[in-house]
């Protein structure tokens, strides 16, 4: 699953591949709840740390190309 994370107050866009979208969503929600630093690891083992307060948006695209945008806990 392809994930794009927009960073607030910049034009920076971080794009990673994750194996489990639900697990990724839980990590994001935990980082936001704790107002901490979210460490996200992609399917190739690379990690990126993002302060939760800096996340502007998250876009998730599954294998079929369907896009989901999330700003808060949902579903």
PDB file of N, CA and C in Angstrom:
ATOM      1  N   UNK A   1       0.847  -1.167   0.000  1.00  0.00           N
ATOM      2  CA  UNK A   1       0.000   0.000   0.000  1.00  0.00           C
ATOM      3  C   UNK A   1       0.895   1.234   0.000  1.00  0.00           C
ATOM      4  N   UNK A   2       0.601   2.165  -0.876  1.00  0.00           N
ATOM      5  CA  UNK A   2       1.361   3.402  -0.957  1.00  0.00           C
ATOM      6  C   UNK A   2       0.732   4.429  -0.027  1.00  0.00           C
ATOM      7  N   UNK A   3       1.576   5.089   0.768  1.00  0.00           N
ATOM      8  CA  UNK A   3       1.114   6.106   1.716  1.00  0.00           C
ATOM      9  C   UNK A   3       1.875   7.396   1.445  1.00  0.00           C
ATOM     10  N   UNK A   4       1.131   8.486   1.369  1.00  0.00           N
ATOM     11  CA  UNK A   4       1.728   9.811   1.217  1.00  0.00           C
ATOM     12  C   UNK A   4       1.362  10.628   2.450  1.00  0.00           C
ATOM     13  N   UNK A   5       2.377  11.250   3.043  1.00  0.00           N
ATOM     14  CA  UNK A   5       2.175  12.060   4.245  1.00  0.00           C
ATOM     15  C   UNK A   5       2.591  13.488   3.918  1.00  0.00           C
ATOM     16  N   UNK A   6       1.636  14.405   4.021  1.00  0.00           N
ATOM     17  CA  UNK A   6       1.924  15.816   3.800  1.00  0.00           C
ATOM     18  C   UNK A   6       2.399  16.449   5.092  1.00  0.00           C
ATOM     19  N   UNK A   7       3.405  17.289   4.996  1.00  0.00           N
ATOM     20  CA  UNK A   7       3.973  17.951   6.167  1.00  0.00           C
ATOM     21  C   UNK A   7       3.479  19.398   6.204  1.00  0.00           C
ATOM     22  N   UNK A   8       2.912  19.793   7.349  1.00  0.00           N
ATOM     23  CA  UNK A   8       2.340  21.129   7.522  1.00  0.00           C
ATOM     24  C   UNK A   8       3.387  22.220   7.324  1.00  0.00           C
ATOM     25  N   UNK A   9       2.945  23.333   6.777  1.00  0.00           N
ATOM     26  CA  UNK A   9       3.751  24.544   6.587  1.00  0.00           C
ATOM     27  C   UNK A   9       4.943  24.354   5.647  1.00  0.00           C
ATOM     28  N   UNK A  10       4.928  23.288   4.857  1.00  0.00           N
ATOM     29  CA  UNK A  10       5.954  23.065   3.839  1.00  0.00           C
ATOM     30  C   UNK A  10       5.286  22.426   2.625  1.00  0.00           C
ATOM     31  N   UNK A  11       6.035  22.312   1.562  1.00  0.00           N
ATOM     32  CA  UNK A  11       5.531  21.585   0.403  1.00  0.00           C
ATOM     33  C   UNK A  11       6.080  20.158   0.385  1.00  0.00           C
ATOM     34  N   UNK A  12       6.614  19.722   1.528  1.00  0.00           N
ATOM     35  CA  UNK A  12       7.219  18.402   1.654  1.00  0.00           C
ATOM     36  C   UNK A  12       6.149  17.317   1.663  1.00  0.00           C
ATOM     37  N   UNK A  13       6.391  16.267   0.895  1.00  0.00           N
ATOM     38  CA  UNK A  13       5.515  15.115   0.832  1.00  0.00           C
ATOM     39  C   UNK A  13       6.382  13.873   1.005  1.00  0.00           C
ATOM     40  N   UNK A  14       6.050  13.057   1.993  1.00  0.00           N
ATOM     41  CA  UNK A  14       6.791  11.825   2.247  1.00  0.00           C
ATOM     42  C   UNK A  14       5.960  10.675   1.714  1.00  0.00           C
ATOM     43  N   UNK A  15       6.586   9.843   0.901  1.00  0.00           N
ATOM     44  CA  UNK A  15       5.891   8.713   0.305  1.00  0.00           C
ATOM     45  C   UNK A  15       6.591   7.425   0.722  1.00  0.00           C
ATOM     46  N   UNK A  16       5.824   6.514   1.319  1.00  0.00           N
ATOM     47  CA  UNK A  16       6.369   5.232   1.731  1.00  0.00           C
ATOM     48  C   UNK A  16       5.426   4.111   1.305  1.00  0.00           C
ATOM     49  N   UNK A  17       5.958   2.912   1.259  1.00  0.00           N
ATOM     50  CA  UNK A  17       5.169   1.714   0.995  1.00  0.00           C
ATOM     51  C   UNK A  17       5.034   0.960   2.312  1.00  0.00           C
ATOM     52  N   UNK A  18       3.824   0.560   2.658  1.00  0.00           N
ATOM     53  CA  UNK A  18       3.596  -0.225   3.876  1.00  0.00           C
ATOM     54  C   UNK A  18       2.857  -1.503   3.502  1.00  0.00           C
ATOM     55  N   UNK A  19       3.094  -2.546   4.290  1.00  0.00           N
ATOM     56  CA  UNK A  19       2.452  -3.827   4.043  1.00  0.00           C
ATOM     57  C   UNK A  19       1.048  -3.892   4.618  1.00  0.00           C
ATOM     58  N   UNK A  20       0.855  -3.284   5.786  1.00  0.00           N
ATOM     59  CA  UNK A  20      -0.418  -3.391   6.502  1.00  0.00           C
ATOM     60  C   UNK A  20      -0.993  -2.003   6.777  1.00  0.00           C
ATOM     61  N   UNK A  21      -2.016  -1.627   6.022  1.00  0.00           N
ATOM     62  CA  UNK A  21      -2.621  -0.307   6.173  1.00  0.00           C
ATOM     63  C   UNK A  21      -3.262  -0.092   7.532  1.00  0.00           C
ATOM     64  N   UNK A  22      -3.890  -1.135   8.088  1.00  0.00           N
ATOM     65  CA  UNK A  22      -4.538  -0.992   9.396  1.00  0.00           C
ATOM     66  C   UNK A  22      -3.512  -0.745  10.495  1.00  0.00           C
ATOM     67  N   UNK A  23      -2.403  -1.463  10.445  1.00  0.00           N
ATOM     68  CA  UNK A  23      -1.336  -1.278  11.431  1.00  0.00           C
ATOM     69  C   UNK A  23      -0.746   0.128  11.317  1.00  0.00           C
ATOM     70  N   UNK A  24      -0.547   0.580  10.087  1.00  0.00           N
ATOM     71  CA  UNK A  24      -0.026   1.928   9.867  1.00  0.00           C
ATOM     72  C   UNK A  24      -0.981   2.965  10.441  1.00  0.00           C
ATOM     73  N   UNK A  25      -2.268   2.791  10.185  1.00  0.00           N
ATOM     74  CA  UNK A  25      -3.281   3.724  10.684  1.00  0.00           C
ATOM     75  C   UNK A  25      -3.249   3.777  12.210  1.00  0.00           C
ATOM     76  N   UNK A  26      -3.093   2.627  12.862  1.00  0.00           N
ATOM     77  CA  UNK A  26      -3.013   2.587  14.336  1.00  0.00           C
ATOM     78  C   UNK A  26      -1.791   3.340  14.837  1.00  0.00           C
ATOM     79  N   UNK A  27      -0.640   3.185  14.148  1.00  0.00           N
ATOM     80  CA  UNK A  27       0.579   3.901  14.541  1.00  0.00           C
ATOM     81  C   UNK A  27       0.374   5.416  14.447  1.00  0.00           C
ATOM     82  N   UNK A  28      -0.278   5.854  13.372  1.00  0.00           N
ATOM     83  CA  UNK A  28      -0.532   7.283  13.182  1.00  0.00           C
ATOM     84  C   UNK A  28      -1.448   7.814  14.283  1.00  0.00           C
ATOM     85  N   UNK A  29      -2.532   7.091  14.552  1.00  0.00           N
ATOM     86  CA  UNK A  29      -3.471   7.531  15.583  1.00  0.00           C
ATOM     87  C   UNK A  29      -2.809   7.589  16.951  1.00  0.00           C
ATOM     88  N   UNK A  30      -1.942   6.633  17.249  1.00  0.00           N
ATOM     89  CA  UNK A  30      -1.226   6.634  18.530  1.00  0.00           C
ATOM     90  C   UNK A  30      -0.316   7.858  18.626  1.00  0.00           C
ATOM     91  N   UNK A  31       0.422   8.154  17.564  1.00  0.00           N
ATOM     92  CA  UNK A  31       1.317   9.315  17.571  1.00  0.00           C
ATOM     93  C   UNK A  31       0.530  10.608  17.748  1.00  0.00           C
ATOM     94  N   UNK A  32      -0.626  10.700  17.089  1.00  0.00           N
ATOM     95  CA  UNK A  32      -1.446  11.905  17.215  1.00  0.00           C
ATOM     96  C   UNK A  32      -2.016  12.030  18.626  1.00  0.00           C
ATOM     97  N   UNK A  33      -2.524  10.913  19.185  1.00  0.00           N
ATOM     98  CA  UNK A  33      -3.067  10.932  20.546  1.00  0.00           C
ATOM     99  C   UNK A  33      -2.030  11.372  21.568  1.00  0.00           C
ATOM    100  N   UNK A  34      -0.784  10.931  21.381  1.00  0.00           N
ATOM    101  CA  UNK A  34       0.285  11.244  22.330  1.00  0.00           C
ATOM    102  C   UNK A  34       0.982  12.557  21.994  1.00  0.00           C
ATOM    103  N   UNK A  35       0.601  13.172  20.850  1.00  0.00           N
ATOM    104  CA  UNK A  35       1.251  14.381  20.363  1.00  0.00           C
ATOM    105  C   UNK A  35       2.767  14.214  20.380  1.00  0.00           C
ATOM    106  N   UNK A  36       3.187  13.056  19.936  1.00  0.00           N
ATOM    107  CA  UNK A  36       4.608  12.730  19.965  1.00  0.00           C
ATOM    108  C   UNK A  36       5.193  12.595  18.575  1.00  0.00           C
ATOM    109  N   UNK A  37       6.250  11.820  18.520  1.00  0.00           N
ATOM    110  CA  UNK A  37       6.964  11.560  17.279  1.00  0.00           C
ATOM    111  C   UNK A  37       6.537  10.197  16.765  1.00  0.00           C
ATOM    112  N   UNK A  38       6.035  10.160  15.550  1.00  0.00           N
ATOM    113  CA  UNK A  38       5.641   8.887  14.952  1.00  0.00           C
ATOM    114  C   UNK A  38       6.764   8.347  14.099  1.00  0.00           C
ATOM    115  N   UNK A  39       7.175   7.107  14.383  1.00  0.00           N
ATOM    116  CA  UNK A  39       8.189   6.442  13.563  1.00  0.00           C
ATOM    117  C   UNK A  39       7.465   5.451  12.683  1.00  0.00           C
ATOM    118  N   UNK A  40       7.640   5.599  11.390  1.00  0.00           N
ATOM    119  CA  UNK A  40       6.959   4.750  10.428  1.00  0.00           C
ATOM    120  C   UNK A  40       7.994   3.994   9.606  1.00  0.00           C
ATOM    121  N   UNK A  41       7.806   2.690   9.482  1.00  0.00           N
ATOM    122  CA  UNK A  41       8.723   1.839   8.747  1.00  0.00           C
ATOM    123  C   UNK A  41       8.016   1.307   7.514  1.00  0.00           C
ATOM    124  N   UNK A  42       8.676   1.455   6.364  1.00  0.00           N
ATOM    125  CA  UNK A  42       8.051   0.994   5.133  1.00  0.00           C
ATOM    126  C   UNK A  42       8.325  -0.488   4.892  1.00  0.00           C
ATOM    127  N   UNK A  43       7.803  -0.999   3.796  1.00  0.00           N
ATOM    128  CA  UNK A  43       7.905  -2.423   3.504  1.00  0.00           C
ATOM    129  C   UNK A  43       9.333  -2.868   3.187  1.00  0.00           C
ATOM    130  N   UNK A  44      10.244  -1.925   2.961  1.00  0.00           N
ATOM    131  CA  UNK A  44      11.643  -2.266   2.710  1.00  0.00           C
ATOM    132  C   UNK A  44      12.522  -2.053   3.940  1.00  0.00           C
ATOM    133  N   UNK A  45      11.918  -1.730   5.076  1.00  0.00           N
ATOM    134  CA  UNK A  45      12.667  -1.590   6.317  1.00  0.00           C
ATOM    135  C   UNK A  45      13.201  -0.200   6.606  1.00  0.00           C
ATOM    136  N   UNK A  46      12.901   0.772   5.765  1.00  0.00           N
ATOM    137  CA  UNK A  46      13.357   2.146   6.012  1.00  0.00           C
ATOM    138  C   UNK A  46      12.397   2.820   6.982  1.00  0.00           C
ATOM    139  N   UNK A  47      12.950   3.643   7.878  1.00  0.00           N
ATOM    140  CA  UNK A  47      12.125   4.334   8.874  1.00  0.00           C
ATOM    141  C   UNK A  47      12.222   5.839   8.694  1.00  0.00           C
ATOM    142  N   UNK A  48      11.123   6.512   9.017  1.00  0.00           N
ATOM    143  CA  UNK A  48      11.091   7.969   9.002  1.00  0.00           C
ATOM    144  C   UNK A  48      10.323   8.416  10.242  1.00  0.00           C
ATOM    145  N   UNK A  49      10.848   9.422  10.933  1.00  0.00           N
ATOM    146  CA  UNK A  49      10.189   9.966  12.116  1.00  0.00           C
ATOM    147  C   UNK A  49       9.541  11.296  11.782  1.00  0.00           C
ATOM    148  N   UNK A  50       8.269  11.447  12.170  1.00  0.00           N
ATOM    149  CA  UNK A  50       7.525  12.673  11.877  1.00  0.00           C
ATOM    150  C   UNK A  50       6.819  13.129  13.147  1.00  0.00           C
ATOM    151  N   UNK A  51       7.045  14.379  13.579  1.00  0.00           N
ATOM    152  CA  UNK A  51       6.289  14.896  14.725  1.00  0.00           C
ATOM    153  C   UNK A  51       4.802  14.939  14.367  1.00  0.00           C
ATOM    154  N   UNK A  52       3.956  14.406  15.218  1.00  0.00           N
ATOM    155  CA  UNK A  52       2.517  14.323  14.942  1.00  0.00           C
ATOM    156  C   UNK A  52       1.916  15.691  14.632  1.00  0.00           C
ATOM    157  N   UNK A  53       2.392  16.728  15.295  1.00  0.00           N
ATOM    158  CA  UNK A  53       1.840  18.065  15.068  1.00  0.00           C
ATOM    159  C   UNK A  53       2.185  18.595  13.679  1.00  0.00           C
ATOM    160  N   UNK A  54       3.113  17.952  12.970  1.00  0.00           N
ATOM    161  CA  UNK A  54       3.519  18.394  11.641  1.00  0.00           C
ATOM    162  C   UNK A  54       2.789  17.682  10.505  1.00  0.00           C
ATOM    163  N   UNK A  55       1.939  16.710  10.844  1.00  0.00           N
ATOM    164  CA  UNK A  55       1.225  15.977   9.803  1.00  0.00           C
ATOM    165  C   UNK A  55       0.041  16.815   9.320  1.00  0.00           C
ATOM    166  N   UNK A  56       0.061  17.151   8.037  1.00  0.00           N
ATOM    167  CA  UNK A  56      -1.029  17.929   7.449  1.00  0.00           C
ATOM    168  C   UNK A  56      -2.126  17.006   6.912  1.00  0.00           C
ATOM    169  N   UNK A  57      -1.727  15.922   6.256  1.00  0.00           N
ATOM    170  CA  UNK A  57      -2.691  14.955   5.741  1.00  0.00           C
ATOM    171  C   UNK A  57      -1.991  13.627   5.493  1.00  0.00           C
ATOM    172  N   UNK A  58      -2.787  12.590   5.358  1.00  0.00           N
ATOM    173  CA  UNK A  58      -2.285  11.261   5.016  1.00  0.00           C
ATOM    174  C   UNK A  58      -3.188  10.704   3.929  1.00  0.00           C
ATOM    175  N   UNK A  59      -2.561  10.246   2.865  1.00  0.00           N
ATOM    176  CA  UNK A  59      -3.291   9.646   1.758  1.00  0.00           C
ATOM    177  C   UNK A  59      -2.811   8.212   1.605  1.00  0.00           C
ATOM    178  N   UNK A  60      -3.765   7.280   1.572  1.00  0.00           N
ATOM    179  CA  UNK A  60      -3.425   5.863   1.457  1.00  0.00           C
ATOM    180  C   UNK A  60      -4.011   5.329   0.157  1.00  0.00           C
ATOM    181  N   UNK A  61      -3.188   4.628  -0.610  1.00  0.00           N
ATOM    182  CA  UNK A  61      -3.614   4.080  -1.894  1.00  0.00           C
ATOM    183  C   UNK A  61      -3.348   2.582  -1.896  1.00  0.00           C
ATOM    184  N   UNK A  62      -4.403   1.785  -2.025  1.00  0.00           N
ATOM    185  CA  UNK A  62      -4.206   0.340  -2.019  1.00  0.00           C
ATOM    186  C   UNK A  62      -3.764  -0.135  -3.399  1.00  0.00           C
ATOM    187  N   UNK A  63      -3.581  -1.415  -3.541  1.00  0.00           N
ATOM    188  CA  UNK A  63      -3.057  -2.000  -4.774  1.00  0.00           C
ATOM    189  C   UNK A  63      -3.928  -1.703  -5.987  1.00  0.00           C
ATOM    190  N   UNK A  64      -5.234  -1.570  -5.796  1.00  0.00           N
ATOM    191  CA  UNK A  64      -6.131  -1.305  -6.911  1.00  0.00           C
ATOM    192  C   UNK A  64      -6.171   0.168  -7.293  1.00  0.00           C
ATOM    193  N   UNK A  65      -5.505   1.025  -6.524  1.00  0.00           N
ATOM    194  CA  UNK A  65      -5.464   2.434  -6.852  1.00  0.00           C
ATOM    195  C   UNK A  65      -6.509   3.283  -6.156  1.00  0.00           C
ATOM    196  N   UNK A  66      -7.344   2.677  -5.319  1.00  0.00           N
ATOM    197  CA  UNK A  66      -8.338   3.444  -4.573  1.00  0.00           C
ATOM    198  C   UNK A  66      -7.622   4.312  -3.556  1.00  0.00           C
ATOM    199  N   UNK A  67      -8.033   5.566  -3.431  1.00  0.00           N
ATOM    200  CA  UNK A  67      -7.374   6.483  -2.498  1.00  0.00           C
ATOM    201  C   UNK A  67      -8.278   6.769  -1.322  1.00  0.00           C
ATOM    202  N   UNK A  68      -7.659   6.785  -0.140  1.00  0.00           N
ATOM    203  CA  UNK A  68      -8.366   7.158   1.078  1.00  0.00           C
ATOM    204  C   UNK A  68      -7.550   8.252   1.739  1.00  0.00           C
ATOM    205  N   UNK A  69      -8.210   9.303   2.175  1.00  0.00           N
ATOM    206  CA  UNK A  69      -7.534  10.384   2.855  1.00  0.00           C
ATOM    207  C   UNK A  69      -8.036  10.396   4.280  1.00  0.00           C
ATOM    208  N   UNK A  70      -7.108  10.479   5.234  1.00  0.00           N
ATOM    209  CA  UNK A  70      -7.514  10.473   6.633  1.00  0.00           C
ATOM    210  C   UNK A  70      -6.913  11.624   7.401  1.00  0.00           C
ATOM    211  N   UNK A  71      -7.742  12.273   8.183  1.00  0.00           N
ATOM    212  CA  UNK A  71      -7.292  13.369   9.019  1.00  0.00           C
ATOM    213  C   UNK A  71      -7.475  13.065  10.494  1.00  0.00           C
ATOM    214  N   UNK A  72      -8.311  12.102  10.790  1.00  0.00           N
ATOM    215  CA  UNK A  72      -8.612  11.768  12.176  1.00  0.00           C
ATOM    216  C   UNK A  72      -9.026  10.304  12.235  1.00  0.00           C
ATOM    217  N   UNK A  73      -9.092   9.755  13.442  1.00  0.00           N
ATOM    218  CA  UNK A  73      -9.540   8.368  13.547  1.00  0.00           C
ATOM    219  C   UNK A  73     -10.907   8.192  12.868  1.00  0.00           C
ATOM    220  N   UNK A  74     -11.050   7.126  12.176  1.00  0.00           N
ATOM    221  CA  UNK A  74     -12.285   6.901  11.447  1.00  0.00           C
ATOM    222  C   UNK A  74     -12.624   5.428  11.375  1.00  0.00           C
ATOM    223  N   UNK A  75     -13.550   5.139  10.545  1.00  0.00           N
ATOM    224  CA  UNK A  75     -14.040   3.779  10.311  1.00  0.00           C
ATOM    225  C   UNK A  75     -14.237   3.048  11.572  1.00  0.00           C
TER     226      UNK A  75
END
